[in-house]
């Protein structure tokens, strides 16, 4: 039996591909907080626990080189995440260093999006989509071996995330779809919803966002929005 359409489908990161594909596939236009940030699991949990209390504090922000690219992103050293699309770039696509002159506008826009997130999720049937449950920012040039979480760790992290989202946002139904390396995991029933894991599979389509994989994923799970066509783009 096909699942009932959702009122909202919301990206939880950990980067912009889930949000880009939700927009492309369902015609969603409203931004949510985690759409364009790079947010490891630990950062996501900390922000939700604190109700975003320490977001965009200038003393915590640093323009950084990332994976060999100069001034590639803005790091928050408090939440250990990247404000990758929030600040202006120059003609060479490098982050402009004058964060202080931009911070007021960035904070105002971010507050509006966070307020929307908190108000619109309440009482709705919501699907949250999250790419991966890695705990920390990782860079290939750091020299630190990358250790992905085990299956048991991923399941426990997903349960913690679901419980926290349910408590903080109070939706009528909260389903959580995790895109990870777990090959097979049955649907996990939790309070007011379910947790599901799936792989994207071999990357098809755009070299970076793999839109064909997401299209197949959404269709396989029979995911739809209330009043929206699945062909919207």
Protein backbone atom coordinates (compact mmCIF):
# COMPACT_ATOMS: atom_id res chain seq x y z
CA UNK A 1 0.00 0.00 0.00
CA UNK A 2 1.37 3.42 -0.98
CA UNK A 3 2.27 5.74 1.86
CA UNK A 4 0.13 8.83 2.36
CA UNK A 5 1.55 12.08 0.94
CA UNK A 6 3.59 14.24 3.28
CA UNK A 7 2.88 17.88 4.10
CA UNK A 8 6.61 18.61 4.09
CA UNK A 9 9.78 16.92 2.88
CA UNK A 10 12.80 18.46 4.59
CA UNK A 11 16.54 17.98 4.11
CA UNK A 12 18.74 17.48 7.17
CA UNK A 13 22.02 17.67 5.19
CA UNK A 14 24.75 16.63 5.70
CA UNK A 15 25.28 18.69 2.55
CA UNK A 16 23.26 20.30 -0.21
CA UNK A 17 22.50 17.29 -2.48
CA UNK A 18 19.38 16.14 -0.57
CA UNK A 19 17.91 19.66 -0.61
CA UNK A 20 18.76 20.18 -4.29
CA UNK A 21 17.05 16.92 -5.24
CA UNK A 22 13.99 17.52 -3.06
CA UNK A 23 13.59 20.86 -4.85
CA UNK A 24 14.14 19.35 -8.27
CA UNK A 25 11.82 16.38 -7.82
CA UNK A 26 8.96 17.88 -5.80
CA UNK A 27 9.09 21.54 -6.79
CA UNK A 28 9.83 22.65 -3.22
CA UNK A 29 10.97 26.28 -3.06
CA UNK A 30 11.07 27.17 0.63
CA UNK A 31 14.50 26.88 2.23
CA UNK A 32 15.03 25.07 5.51
CA UNK A 33 18.02 25.52 7.85
CA UNK A 34 20.09 22.47 6.88
CA UNK A 35 19.62 22.76 3.11
CA UNK A 36 22.92 24.41 2.22
CA UNK A 37 25.14 23.89 5.28
CA UNK A 38 27.66 21.07 5.68
CA UNK A 39 26.59 19.57 8.98
CA UNK A 40 28.11 16.44 10.50
CA UNK A 41 25.85 14.45 12.80
CA UNK A 42 27.37 15.93 15.97
CA UNK A 43 26.78 19.47 14.70
CA UNK A 44 23.19 18.68 13.74
CA UNK A 45 22.43 17.25 17.19
CA UNK A 46 24.09 20.13 19.01
CA UNK A 47 22.22 22.78 17.04
CA UNK A 48 18.87 21.09 17.65
CA UNK A 49 19.58 20.59 21.35
CA UNK A 50 20.51 24.27 21.74
CA UNK A 51 17.71 25.58 19.50
CA UNK A 52 20.43 27.10 17.28
CA UNK A 53 21.44 29.42 20.17
CA UNK A 54 25.07 29.83 19.06
CA UNK A 55 24.59 29.98 15.32
CA UNK A 56 26.55 32.62 13.35
CA UNK A 57 28.46 34.14 16.26
CA UNK A 58 31.21 36.09 14.53
CA UNK A 59 33.90 35.04 17.03
CA UNK A 60 33.33 31.40 16.03
CA UNK A 61 33.55 31.92 12.26
CA UNK A 62 36.66 31.41 10.15
CA UNK A 63 37.28 31.56 6.41
CA UNK A 64 39.11 28.35 5.56
CA UNK A 65 40.81 26.57 2.70
CA UNK A 66 39.11 23.24 2.09
CA UNK A 67 40.32 20.22 0.16
CA UNK A 68 43.02 22.21 -1.61
CA UNK A 69 40.80 25.16 -2.58
CA UNK A 70 41.66 28.60 -1.24
CA UNK A 71 38.97 30.40 0.82
CA UNK A 72 36.55 27.63 -0.06
CA UNK A 73 34.18 27.84 2.91
CA UNK A 74 33.32 29.40 6.27
CA UNK A 75 33.80 27.18 9.27
CA UNK A 76 31.91 27.52 12.55
CA UNK A 77 34.40 26.37 15.16
CA UNK A 78 31.66 26.07 17.80
CA UNK A 79 29.34 23.71 15.97
CA UNK A 80 32.11 22.24 13.78
CA UNK A 81 30.16 22.78 10.57
CA UNK A 82 30.49 24.80 7.36
CA UNK A 83 28.39 27.79 6.25
CA UNK A 84 29.26 26.88 2.71
CA UNK A 85 26.71 29.03 0.85
CA UNK A 86 25.89 31.81 3.32
CA UNK A 87 28.64 34.31 2.57
CA UNK A 88 29.54 36.18 -0.61
CA UNK A 89 32.18 35.02 -3.05
CA UNK A 90 34.40 36.98 -5.41
CA UNK A 91 34.80 36.53 -9.16
CA UNK A 92 37.06 33.53 -8.59
CA UNK A 93 34.48 31.82 -6.34
CA UNK A 94 36.60 32.46 -3.23
CA UNK A 95 34.84 33.46 0.00
CA UNK A 96 35.19 37.19 0.63
CA UNK A 97 36.95 37.75 3.93
CA UNK A 98 34.78 40.63 5.17
CA UNK A 99 32.46 38.45 7.23
CA UNK A 100 31.76 41.25 9.68
CA UNK A 101 30.14 43.44 7.01
CA UNK A 102 27.92 40.54 5.89
CA UNK A 103 26.97 38.99 9.21
CA UNK A 104 23.88 41.10 9.95
CA UNK A 105 22.16 40.13 6.70
CA UNK A 106 23.20 36.49 6.99
CA UNK A 107 21.86 36.29 10.56
CA UNK A 108 18.56 37.90 9.57
CA UNK A 109 18.03 35.47 6.69
CA UNK A 110 19.03 32.49 8.82
CA UNK A 111 16.70 33.47 11.67
CA UNK A 112 13.80 33.72 9.21
CA UNK A 113 14.54 30.23 7.88
CA UNK A 114 14.92 28.72 11.36
CA UNK A 115 11.63 30.31 12.49
CA UNK A 116 9.94 28.87 9.39
CA UNK A 117 11.36 25.43 10.16
CA UNK A 118 10.09 25.51 13.76
CA UNK A 119 6.61 26.76 12.87
CA UNK A 120 5.86 24.82 9.69
CA UNK A 121 6.89 21.38 10.89
CA UNK A 122 4.62 21.52 13.96
CA UNK A 123 1.52 19.38 13.56
CA UNK A 124 2.41 18.22 10.03
CA UNK A 125 3.21 14.89 8.39
CA UNK A 126 6.91 15.31 7.68
CA UNK A 127 9.63 13.29 5.97
CA UNK A 128 13.18 14.25 6.91
CA UNK A 129 15.94 13.10 4.53
CA UNK A 130 19.50 12.90 5.81
CA UNK A 131 22.65 11.92 3.91
CA UNK A 132 24.93 9.97 6.24
CA UNK A 133 25.46 9.97 9.99
CA UNK A 134 29.17 10.80 10.16
CA UNK A 135 30.09 12.49 13.42
CA UNK A 136 32.71 15.03 12.38
CA UNK A 137 33.89 17.15 9.49
CA UNK A 138 36.41 15.21 7.47
CA UNK A 139 38.91 16.37 4.90
CA UNK A 140 40.92 14.03 2.69
CA UNK A 141 44.00 16.20 3.27
CA UNK A 142 43.87 15.95 7.05
CA UNK A 143 45.82 12.71 7.11
CA UNK A 144 43.42 11.25 9.68
CA UNK A 145 42.00 7.88 8.63
CA UNK A 146 38.25 8.12 8.05
CA UNK A 147 36.28 5.68 10.16
CA UNK A 148 32.61 5.49 9.17
CA UNK A 149 30.20 4.55 11.95
CA UNK A 150 29.17 0.93 12.27
CA UNK A 151 25.66 -0.24 11.42
CA UNK A 152 24.76 -0.35 15.13
CA UNK A 153 26.14 3.17 15.63
CA UNK A 154 24.16 4.48 12.67
CA UNK A 155 20.92 2.96 13.94
CA UNK A 156 21.48 4.41 17.42
CA UNK A 157 22.31 7.83 15.96
CA UNK A 158 19.20 7.75 13.78
CA UNK A 159 17.05 6.92 16.80
CA UNK A 160 18.61 9.77 18.78
CA UNK A 161 18.05 12.18 15.90
CA UNK A 162 14.44 11.11 15.42
CA UNK A 163 13.66 11.48 19.13
CA UNK A 164 15.26 14.93 19.26
CA UNK A 165 13.43 16.15 16.15
CA UNK A 166 10.13 14.86 17.50
CA UNK A 167 10.62 16.63 20.81
CA UNK A 168 11.81 19.91 19.30
CA UNK A 169 9.50 20.28 16.29
CA UNK A 170 6.36 18.37 17.40
CA UNK A 171 5.08 17.09 14.04
CA UNK A 172 2.02 14.86 13.78
CA UNK A 173 4.12 12.22 11.99
CA UNK A 174 7.88 12.14 11.61
CA UNK A 175 9.51 9.71 9.20
CA UNK A 176 13.29 9.74 8.82
CA UNK A 177 15.04 8.44 5.69
CA UNK A 178 18.80 7.98 6.08
CA UNK A 179 20.98 7.59 2.99
CA UNK A 180 23.93 5.50 4.09
CA UNK A 181 26.07 2.49 3.36
CA UNK A 182 23.74 0.11 5.20
CA UNK A 183 22.91 -2.61 2.69
CA UNK A 184 19.75 -3.88 4.32
CA UNK A 185 17.87 -2.73 7.37
CA UNK A 186 14.18 -3.23 8.08
CA UNK A 187 11.94 -0.26 8.75
CA UNK A 188 12.36 0.77 12.38
CA UNK A 189 9.09 1.81 14.06
CA UNK A 190 9.53 4.69 16.51
CA UNK A 191 7.20 7.14 18.23
CA UNK A 192 5.00 8.93 15.67
CA UNK A 193 6.78 7.48 12.65
CA UNK A 194 9.50 5.28 11.19
CA UNK A 195 13.21 5.26 10.42
CA UNK A 196 14.38 3.80 7.11
CA UNK A 197 17.86 3.33 5.64
CA UNK A 198 18.74 3.06 1.97
CA UNK A 199 21.68 3.39 -0.39
CA UNK A 200 21.72 5.68 -3.38
CA UNK A 201 23.49 3.01 -5.40
CA UNK A 202 25.83 3.64 -8.34
CA UNK A 203 25.88 7.34 -9.10
CA UNK A 204 23.76 8.21 -12.14
CA UNK A 205 23.14 11.63 -13.63
CA UNK A 206 24.77 14.89 -12.60
CA UNK A 207 28.36 14.21 -11.57
CA UNK A 208 27.84 15.77 -8.15
CA UNK A 209 24.14 15.60 -7.20
CA UNK A 210 23.12 12.28 -8.81
CA UNK A 211 19.55 13.36 -9.56
CA UNK A 212 18.63 10.06 -11.22
CA UNK A 213 19.49 8.15 -8.06
CA UNK A 214 17.29 10.42 -5.98
CA UNK A 215 14.44 10.18 -8.49
CA UNK A 216 14.54 6.39 -8.29
CA UNK A 217 14.76 6.54 -4.51
CA UNK A 218 11.71 8.79 -4.16
CA UNK A 219 9.71 6.66 -6.58
CA UNK A 220 10.75 3.39 -4.95
CA UNK A 221 9.50 4.66 -1.59
CA UNK A 222 6.38 6.15 -3.22
CA UNK A 223 7.13 9.52 -1.64
CA UNK A 224 4.78 12.35 -2.55
CA UNK A 225 3.81 15.78 -1.26
CA UNK A 226 0.24 16.82 -0.57
CA UNK A 227 -1.00 18.75 -3.60
CA UNK A 228 2.31 18.39 -5.46
CA UNK A 229 3.17 16.44 -8.59
CA UNK A 230 6.14 14.11 -8.34
CA UNK A 231 7.15 15.39 -11.77
CA UNK A 232 7.56 18.97 -10.49
CA UNK A 233 11.03 20.35 -11.01
